Every structure is written in C-alpha cells, then in structure tokens.
Protein backbone atom coordinates (compact mmCIF):
# COMPACT_ATOMS: atom_id res chain seq x y z
CA MET A 1 0.01 0.00 0.00
CA GLY A 2 1.27 3.45 -0.90
CA THR A 3 1.12 6.87 0.61
CA ASP A 4 -2.11 8.84 0.54
CA LEU A 5 -0.98 10.75 -2.50
CA GLU A 6 0.10 7.58 -4.41
CA ILE A 7 -3.30 6.10 -3.73
CA VAL A 8 -5.24 9.21 -5.00
CA LYS A 9 -2.95 9.30 -7.99
CA GLU A 10 -3.81 5.72 -8.76
CA VAL A 11 -7.48 6.08 -8.11
CA PHE A 12 -7.90 9.26 -10.29
CA GLY A 13 -5.23 8.35 -12.87
CA SER A 14 -3.49 11.74 -12.58
CA GLN A 15 0.20 12.64 -12.07
CA GLN A 16 -0.59 16.25 -11.67
CA LEU A 17 -1.60 16.11 -8.04
CA ARG A 18 0.45 17.65 -5.29
CA GLU A 19 0.17 17.52 -1.48
CA MET A 20 -0.56 20.82 0.26
CA GLU A 21 -0.98 22.00 3.70
CA HIS A 22 -4.51 22.34 4.99
CA HIS A 23 -5.18 26.01 4.95
CA PRO A 24 -3.36 27.01 1.73
CA ALA A 25 -5.37 24.15 0.16
CA HIS A 26 -8.68 25.99 0.96
CA ALA A 27 -7.23 29.08 -0.54
CA ALA A 28 -5.89 27.43 -3.70
CA GLY A 29 -9.22 25.73 -4.26
CA ALA A 30 -11.10 28.95 -4.00
CA PHE A 31 -8.67 30.91 -6.18
CA CYS A 32 -8.40 28.24 -8.92
CA LEU A 33 -12.21 28.09 -9.31
CA SER A 34 -12.88 31.80 -9.09
CA GLY A 35 -11.71 32.95 -12.43
CA PHE A 36 -10.09 36.08 -10.95
CA GLU A 37 -6.57 37.12 -12.09
CA LYS A 38 -5.76 38.38 -8.55
CA SER A 39 -7.51 37.62 -5.29
CA LEU A 40 -7.36 38.34 -1.54
CA ILE A 41 -8.45 35.09 -0.02
CA ILE A 42 -9.60 34.68 3.61
CA SER A 43 -9.68 31.12 5.02
CA TYR A 44 -11.60 30.48 8.25
CA ASP A 45 -12.54 26.98 8.94
CA GLY A 46 -12.17 26.43 12.65
CA GLY A 47 -9.63 23.66 12.39
CA GLY A 48 -7.19 21.66 10.25
CA ASP A 49 -4.02 19.77 10.67
CA ASP A 50 -2.17 22.86 12.01
CA LEU A 51 0.97 21.43 10.57
CA ASP A 52 1.65 24.58 8.67
CA GLY A 53 1.76 26.73 11.84
CA LEU A 54 -1.15 28.64 10.68
CA ASN A 55 -4.23 29.42 12.77
CA PHE A 56 -7.92 28.99 11.95
CA PHE A 57 -8.04 32.34 10.37
CA THR A 58 -5.61 33.10 7.46
CA VAL A 59 -5.33 35.58 4.61
CA PHE A 60 -3.68 34.82 1.36
CA LEU A 61 -2.96 37.00 -1.81
CA ALA A 62 -3.03 35.07 -5.07
CA ASP A 63 -2.05 36.16 -8.61
CA ARG A 64 -2.13 33.88 -11.72
C-alpha cells in the first residue's frame, strides 16, 4: 500500500496532484475556481491539521 498521495493518483489516474498544507489548500481551491486574475483570499474553517503553523483564520494573496 502506498502513501495517501500515491493512492489518490492511482484512483484518479493523474500525475498532476500535489500535497498541500490544509489552509493553503482551501485558498488554492477557492482561487483556482474563481476565475479572477488576482484575489485576496480569507480562509476561516475552525480547524485543520495545523502542521503549517497557521491558525484557523488566514489571509492569502493570489495572482495567476
């Protein structure tokens, strides 16, 4: 049995997946689906893995 990422790649047949930390993943998902060229993204979810050292409330600036 492989890592979580290896299993997801096998199930979905994609080699373009990357692991991300919890809170930046929320921001990336919102930005990628938004259609905006630039965005100020606020992530507030009340939890997560906290491995990235971020709190429940984080702000990101994204630019394509």
